[in-house]
């Protein structure tokens, strides 16, 4: 098997395992997912961090920072 094919298979398996088993439920500060979500939801939308899959909020923040600076 060629090295690139082996590398592609390993990358595919890593991606599938992330999707299948899910990402780690705790973040670096040892907060549970529910605590993290409640903390994020209590923030103003322009102050929230960008998150994958949150297209509306990410675009609102991007436009806000373009117009008003950081």
PDB file of N, CA and C in Angstrom:
ATOM      1  N   UNK A   1       0.856  -1.179   0.000  1.00  0.00           N
ATOM      2  CA  UNK A   1       0.000   0.000   0.000  1.00  0.00           C
ATOM      3  C   UNK A   1       0.901   1.241   0.000  1.00  0.00           C
ATOM      4  N   UNK A   2       0.558   2.215  -0.797  1.00  0.00           N
ATOM      5  CA  UNK A   2       1.353   3.441  -0.902  1.00  0.00           C
ATOM      6  C   UNK A   2       1.250   4.255   0.386  1.00  0.00           C
ATOM      7  N   UNK A   3       2.311   5.004   0.713  1.00  0.00           N
ATOM      8  CA  UNK A   3       2.285   5.812   1.945  1.00  0.00           C
ATOM      9  C   UNK A   3       1.146   6.827   1.984  1.00  0.00           C
ATOM     10  N   UNK A   4       0.811   7.405   0.824  1.00  0.00           N
ATOM     11  CA  UNK A   4      -0.273   8.396   0.834  1.00  0.00           C
ATOM     12  C   UNK A   4      -1.621   7.733   1.102  1.00  0.00           C
ATOM     13  N   UNK A   5      -1.819   6.529   0.576  1.00  0.00           N
ATOM     14  CA  UNK A   5      -3.073   5.813   0.831  1.00  0.00           C
ATOM     15  C   UNK A   5      -3.180   5.452   2.306  1.00  0.00           C
ATOM     16  N   UNK A   6      -2.065   5.035   2.897  1.00  0.00           N
ATOM     17  CA  UNK A   6      -2.050   4.697   4.320  1.00  0.00           C
ATOM     18  C   UNK A   6      -2.365   5.933   5.157  1.00  0.00           C
ATOM     19  N   UNK A   7      -1.792   7.069   4.753  1.00  0.00           N
ATOM     20  CA  UNK A   7      -2.032   8.323   5.472  1.00  0.00           C
ATOM     21  C   UNK A   7      -3.495   8.742   5.346  1.00  0.00           C
ATOM     22  N   UNK A   8      -4.064   8.576   4.155  1.00  0.00           N
ATOM     23  CA  UNK A   8      -5.472   8.926   3.944  1.00  0.00           C
ATOM     24  C   UNK A   8      -6.394   8.043   4.780  1.00  0.00           C
ATOM     25  N   UNK A   9      -6.063   6.774   4.879  1.00  0.00           N
ATOM     26  CA  UNK A   9      -6.884   5.863   5.676  1.00  0.00           C
ATOM     27  C   UNK A   9      -6.821   6.242   7.147  1.00  0.00           C
ATOM     28  N   UNK A  10      -5.626   6.558   7.639  1.00  0.00           N
ATOM     29  CA  UNK A  10      -5.484   6.950   9.040  1.00  0.00           C
ATOM     30  C   UNK A  10      -6.246   8.233   9.347  1.00  0.00           C
ATOM     31  N   UNK A  11      -6.172   9.201   8.445  1.00  0.00           N
ATOM     32  CA  UNK A  11      -6.910  10.458   8.645  1.00  0.00           C
ATOM     33  C   UNK A  11      -8.412  10.208   8.629  1.00  0.00           C
ATOM     34  N   UNK A  12      -8.857   9.356   7.732  1.00  0.00           N
ATOM     35  CA  UNK A  12     -10.284   9.037   7.662  1.00  0.00           C
ATOM     36  C   UNK A  12     -10.754   8.343   8.932  1.00  0.00           C
ATOM     37  N   UNK A  13      -9.954   7.414   9.435  1.00  0.00           N
ATOM     38  CA  UNK A  13     -10.321   6.724  10.674  1.00  0.00           C
ATOM     39  C   UNK A  13     -10.365   7.680  11.856  1.00  0.00           C
ATOM     40  N   UNK A  14      -9.428   8.620  11.895  1.00  0.00           N
ATOM     41  CA  UNK A  14      -9.425   9.600  12.987  1.00  0.00           C
ATOM     42  C   UNK A  14     -10.680  10.462  12.931  1.00  0.00           C
ATOM     43  N   UNK A  15     -11.057  10.896  11.739  1.00  0.00           N
ATOM     44  CA  UNK A  15     -12.249  11.722  11.582  1.00  0.00           C
ATOM     45  C   UNK A  15     -13.513  10.945  11.952  1.00  0.00           C
ATOM     46  N   UNK A  16     -13.594   9.714  11.506  1.00  0.00           N
ATOM     47  CA  UNK A  16     -14.761   8.886  11.823  1.00  0.00           C
ATOM     48  C   UNK A  16     -14.851   8.646  13.325  1.00  0.00           C
ATOM     49  N   UNK A  17     -13.716   8.415  13.974  1.00  0.00           N
ATOM     50  CA  UNK A  17     -13.759   8.177  15.421  1.00  0.00           C
ATOM     51  C   UNK A  17     -14.199   9.424  16.172  1.00  0.00           C
ATOM     52  N   UNK A  18     -13.794  10.604  15.698  1.00  0.00           N
ATOM     53  CA  UNK A  18     -14.262  11.836  16.336  1.00  0.00           C
ATOM     54  C   UNK A  18     -15.767  11.992  16.197  1.00  0.00           C
ATOM     55  N   UNK A  19     -16.269  11.705  15.016  1.00  0.00           N
ATOM     56  CA  UNK A  19     -17.707  11.841  14.785  1.00  0.00           C
ATOM     57  C   UNK A  19     -18.468  10.755  15.549  1.00  0.00           C
ATOM     58  N   UNK A  20     -17.951   9.520  15.508  1.00  0.00           N
ATOM     59  CA  UNK A  20     -18.658   8.403  16.127  1.00  0.00           C
ATOM     60  C   UNK A  20     -18.701   8.521  17.644  1.00  0.00           C
ATOM     61  N   UNK A  21     -17.571   8.834  18.269  1.00  0.00           N
ATOM     62  CA  UNK A  21     -17.500   8.878  19.727  1.00  0.00           C
ATOM     63  C   UNK A  21     -17.755  10.265  20.291  1.00  0.00           C
ATOM     64  N   UNK A  22     -17.794  11.256  19.454  1.00  0.00           N
ATOM     65  CA  UNK A  22     -18.068  12.614  19.900  1.00  0.00           C
ATOM     66  C   UNK A  22     -16.825  13.299  20.433  1.00  0.00           C
ATOM     67  N   UNK A  23     -16.901  14.606  20.480  1.00  0.00           N
ATOM     68  CA  UNK A  23     -15.801  15.377  21.022  1.00  0.00           C
ATOM     69  C   UNK A  23     -15.860  15.323  22.545  1.00  0.00           C
ATOM     70  N   UNK A  24     -14.782  15.673  23.185  1.00  0.00           N
ATOM     71  CA  UNK A  24     -14.715  15.653  24.650  1.00  0.00           C
ATOM     72  C   UNK A  24     -15.774  16.589  25.221  1.00  0.00           C
ATOM     73  N   UNK A  25     -16.512  16.149  26.217  1.00  0.00           N
ATOM     74  CA  UNK A  25     -17.616  16.929  26.778  1.00  0.00           C
ATOM     75  C   UNK A  25     -17.129  18.080  27.646  1.00  0.00           C
ATOM     76  N   UNK A  26     -15.933  17.993  28.168  1.00  0.00           N
ATOM     77  CA  UNK A  26     -15.413  19.055  29.034  1.00  0.00           C
ATOM     78  C   UNK A  26     -14.398  19.898  28.276  1.00  0.00           C
ATOM     79  N   UNK A  27     -14.365  21.177  28.588  1.00  0.00           N
ATOM     80  CA  UNK A  27     -13.355  22.030  27.977  1.00  0.00           C
ATOM     81  C   UNK A  27     -12.150  22.114  28.902  1.00  0.00           C
ATOM     82  N   UNK A  28     -11.182  22.975  28.587  1.00  0.00           N
ATOM     83  CA  UNK A  28      -9.940  23.037  29.353  1.00  0.00           C
ATOM     84  C   UNK A  28     -10.144  23.484  30.786  1.00  0.00           C
ATOM     85  N   UNK A  29     -11.154  24.253  31.078  1.00  0.00           N
ATOM     86  CA  UNK A  29     -11.386  24.746  32.431  1.00  0.00           C
ATOM     87  C   UNK A  29     -12.204  23.766  33.267  1.00  0.00           C
ATOM     88  N   UNK A  30     -12.366  22.551  32.804  1.00  0.00           N
ATOM     89  CA  UNK A  30     -13.089  21.486  33.499  1.00  0.00           C
ATOM     90  C   UNK A  30     -14.545  21.856  33.769  1.00  0.00           C
ATOM     91  N   UNK A  31     -15.156  22.594  32.854  1.00  0.00           N
ATOM     92  CA  UNK A  31     -16.577  22.921  32.956  1.00  0.00           C
ATOM     93  C   UNK A  31     -17.356  21.851  32.201  1.00  0.00           C
ATOM     94  N   UNK A  32     -18.532  21.532  32.685  1.00  0.00           N
ATOM     95  CA  UNK A  32     -19.368  20.603  31.937  1.00  0.00           C
ATOM     96  C   UNK A  32     -19.935  21.333  30.726  1.00  0.00           C
ATOM     97  N   UNK A  33     -20.463  20.567  29.803  1.00  0.00           N
ATOM     98  CA  UNK A  33     -21.023  21.161  28.593  1.00  0.00           C
ATOM     99  C   UNK A  33     -22.187  22.094  28.930  1.00  0.00           C
ATOM    100  N   UNK A  34     -23.018  21.713  29.902  1.00  0.00           N
ATOM    101  CA  UNK A  34     -24.165  22.545  30.299  1.00  0.00           C
ATOM    102  C   UNK A  34     -23.700  23.864  30.912  1.00  0.00           C
ATOM    103  N   UNK A  35     -22.665  23.813  31.749  1.00  0.00           N
ATOM    104  CA  UNK A  35     -22.134  25.047  32.348  1.00  0.00           C
ATOM    105  C   UNK A  35     -21.544  25.957  31.275  1.00  0.00           C
ATOM    106  N   UNK A  36     -20.828  25.350  30.318  1.00  0.00           N
ATOM    107  CA  UNK A  36     -20.232  26.131  29.234  1.00  0.00           C
ATOM    108  C   UNK A  36     -21.319  26.803  28.399  1.00  0.00           C
ATOM    109  N   UNK A  37     -22.370  26.061  28.062  1.00  0.00           N
ATOM    110  CA  UNK A  37     -23.467  26.633  27.276  1.00  0.00           C
ATOM    111  C   UNK A  37     -24.171  27.757  28.020  1.00  0.00           C
ATOM    112  N   UNK A  38     -24.412  27.574  29.313  1.00  0.00           N
ATOM    113  CA  UNK A  38     -25.089  28.633  30.071  1.00  0.00           C
ATOM    114  C   UNK A  38     -24.208  29.872  30.173  1.00  0.00           C
ATOM    115  N   UNK A  39     -22.892  29.673  30.281  1.00  0.00           N
ATOM    116  CA  UNK A  39     -21.980  30.817  30.310  1.00  0.00           C
ATOM    117  C   UNK A  39     -21.992  31.545  28.966  1.00  0.00           C
ATOM    118  N   UNK A  40     -21.973  30.793  27.868  1.00  0.00           N
ATOM    119  CA  UNK A  40     -22.002  31.389  26.528  1.00  0.00           C
ATOM    120  C   UNK A  40     -23.320  32.126  26.311  1.00  0.00           C
ATOM    121  N   UNK A  41     -24.435  31.515  26.697  1.00  0.00           N
ATOM    122  CA  UNK A  41     -25.746  32.138  26.482  1.00  0.00           C
ATOM    123  C   UNK A  41     -25.941  33.391  27.316  1.00  0.00           C
ATOM    124  N   UNK A  42     -25.231  33.510  28.435  1.00  0.00           N
ATOM    125  CA  UNK A  42     -25.371  34.703  29.268  1.00  0.00           C
ATOM    126  C   UNK A  42     -24.572  35.883  28.708  1.00  0.00           C
ATOM    127  N   UNK A  43     -23.671  35.618  27.750  1.00  0.00           N
ATOM    128  CA  UNK A  43     -22.874  36.692  27.143  1.00  0.00           C
ATOM    129  C   UNK A  43     -23.683  37.411  26.070  1.00  0.00           C
ATOM    130  N   UNK A  44     -23.308  38.644  25.809  1.00  0.00           N
ATOM    131  CA  UNK A  44     -23.880  39.379  24.691  1.00  0.00           C
ATOM    132  C   UNK A  44     -23.393  38.725  23.400  1.00  0.00           C
ATOM    133  N   UNK A  45     -24.204  38.744  22.346  1.00  0.00           N
ATOM    134  CA  UNK A  45     -23.864  38.001  21.126  1.00  0.00           C
ATOM    135  C   UNK A  45     -22.569  38.502  20.486  1.00  0.00           C
ATOM    136  N   UNK A  46     -22.265  39.785  20.640  1.00  0.00           N
ATOM    137  CA  UNK A  46     -21.029  40.305  20.042  1.00  0.00           C
ATOM    138  C   UNK A  46     -19.796  39.946  20.859  1.00  0.00           C
ATOM    139  N   UNK A  47     -19.964  39.461  22.075  1.00  0.00           N
ATOM    140  CA  UNK A  47     -18.835  39.092  22.936  1.00  0.00           C
ATOM    141  C   UNK A  47     -18.570  37.583  22.954  1.00  0.00           C
ATOM    142  N   UNK A  48     -19.463  36.793  22.399  1.00  0.00           N
ATOM    143  CA  UNK A  48     -19.311  35.341  22.415  1.00  0.00           C
ATOM    144  C   UNK A  48     -18.168  34.910  21.498  1.00  0.00           C
ATOM    145  N   UNK A  49     -17.514  33.794  21.811  1.00  0.00           N
ATOM    146  CA  UNK A  49     -16.458  33.286  20.922  1.00  0.00           C
ATOM    147  C   UNK A  49     -17.073  32.675  19.666  1.00  0.00           C
ATOM    148  N   UNK A  50     -16.312  32.659  18.574  1.00  0.00           N
ATOM    149  CA  UNK A  50     -16.779  31.996  17.364  1.00  0.00           C
ATOM    150  C   UNK A  50     -16.797  30.500  17.602  1.00  0.00           C
ATOM    151  N   UNK A  51     -17.876  29.863  17.125  1.00  0.00           N
ATOM    152  CA  UNK A  51     -18.024  28.426  17.308  1.00  0.00           C
ATOM    153  C   UNK A  51     -18.410  27.797  15.987  1.00  0.00           C
ATOM    154  N   UNK A  52     -17.910  26.593  15.765  1.00  0.00           N
ATOM    155  CA  UNK A  52     -18.177  25.862  14.535  1.00  0.00           C
ATOM    156  C   UNK A  52     -19.668  25.568  14.410  1.00  0.00           C
ATOM    157  N   UNK A  53     -20.240  25.882  13.256  1.00  0.00           N
ATOM    158  CA  UNK A  53     -21.643  25.588  13.012  1.00  0.00           C
ATOM    159  C   UNK A  53     -22.601  26.685  13.432  1.00  0.00           C
ATOM    160  N   UNK A  54     -22.102  27.712  14.076  1.00  0.00           N
ATOM    161  CA  UNK A  54     -22.950  28.809  14.532  1.00  0.00           C
ATOM    162  C   UNK A  54     -22.805  29.972  13.541  1.00  0.00           C
ATOM    163  N   UNK A  55     -23.356  29.766  12.354  1.00  0.00           N
ATOM    164  CA  UNK A  55     -23.144  30.689  11.244  1.00  0.00           C
ATOM    165  C   UNK A  55     -23.722  32.062  11.543  1.00  0.00           C
ATOM    166  N   UNK A  56     -24.936  32.126  12.056  1.00  0.00           N
ATOM    167  CA  UNK A  56     -25.574  33.425  12.306  1.00  0.00           C
ATOM    168  C   UNK A  56     -24.775  34.246  13.315  1.00  0.00           C
ATOM    169  N   UNK A  57     -24.483  33.666  14.456  1.00  0.00           N
ATOM    170  CA  UNK A  57     -23.744  34.392  15.494  1.00  0.00           C
ATOM    171  C   UNK A  57     -22.351  34.783  15.045  1.00  0.00           C
ATOM    172  N   UNK A  58     -21.667  33.888  14.327  1.00  0.00           N
ATOM    173  CA  UNK A  58     -20.327  34.204  13.839  1.00  0.00           C
ATOM    174  C   UNK A  58     -20.366  35.372  12.863  1.00  0.00           C
ATOM    175  N   UNK A  59     -21.374  35.411  11.975  1.00  0.00           N
ATOM    176  CA  UNK A  59     -21.483  36.521  11.023  1.00  0.00           C
ATOM    177  C   UNK A  59     -21.831  37.823  11.722  1.00  0.00           C
ATOM    178  N   UNK A  60     -22.709  37.779  12.722  1.00  0.00           N
ATOM    179  CA  UNK A  60     -23.048  38.988  13.479  1.00  0.00           C
ATOM    180  C   UNK A  60     -21.801  39.552  14.138  1.00  0.00           C
ATOM    181  N   UNK A  61     -21.002  38.690  14.762  1.00  0.00           N
ATOM    182  CA  UNK A  61     -19.767  39.148  15.411  1.00  0.00           C
ATOM    183  C   UNK A  61     -18.770  39.688  14.401  1.00  0.00           C
ATOM    184  N   UNK A  62     -18.635  39.012  13.261  1.00  0.00           N
ATOM    185  CA  UNK A  62     -17.689  39.449  12.231  1.00  0.00           C
ATOM    186  C   UNK A  62     -18.060  40.843  11.725  1.00  0.00           C
ATOM    187  N   UNK A  63     -19.337  41.068  11.445  1.00  0.00           N
ATOM    188  CA  UNK A  63     -19.789  42.380  10.961  1.00  0.00           C
ATOM    189  C   UNK A  63     -19.621  43.435  12.044  1.00  0.00           C
ATOM    190  N   UNK A  64     -19.951  43.096  13.284  1.00  0.00           N
ATOM    191  CA  UNK A  64     -19.800  44.043  14.393  1.00  0.00           C
ATOM    192  C   UNK A  64     -18.339  44.469  14.544  1.00  0.00           C
ATOM    193  N   UNK A  65     -17.422  43.501  14.491  1.00  0.00           N
ATOM    194  CA  UNK A  65     -16.007  43.827  14.661  1.00  0.00           C
ATOM    195  C   UNK A  65     -15.454  44.590  13.459  1.00  0.00           C
ATOM    196  N   UNK A  66     -15.996  44.330  12.257  1.00  0.00           N
ATOM    197  CA  UNK A  66     -15.554  45.094  11.081  1.00  0.00           C
ATOM    198  C   UNK A  66     -15.969  46.556  11.210  1.00  0.00           C
ATOM    199  N   UNK A  67     -17.180  46.789  11.685  1.00  0.00           N
ATOM    200  CA  UNK A  67     -17.701  48.157  11.777  1.00  0.00           C
ATOM    201  C   UNK A  67     -17.163  48.923  12.972  1.00  0.00           C
ATOM    202  N   UNK A  68     -16.979  48.257  14.101  1.00  0.00           N
ATOM    203  CA  UNK A  68     -16.627  48.950  15.340  1.00  0.00           C
ATOM    204  C   UNK A  68     -15.226  48.641  15.835  1.00  0.00           C
ATOM    205  N   UNK A  69     -14.517  47.770  15.184  1.00  0.00           N
ATOM    206  CA  UNK A  69     -13.194  47.375  15.661  1.00  0.00           C
ATOM    207  C   UNK A  69     -13.313  46.421  16.819  1.00  0.00           C
ATOM    208  N   UNK A  70     -12.205  45.901  17.233  1.00  0.00           N
ATOM    209  CA  UNK A  70     -12.236  44.925  18.350  1.00  0.00           C
ATOM    210  C   UNK A  70     -12.098  45.625  19.611  1.00  0.00           C
TER     211      UNK A  70
END
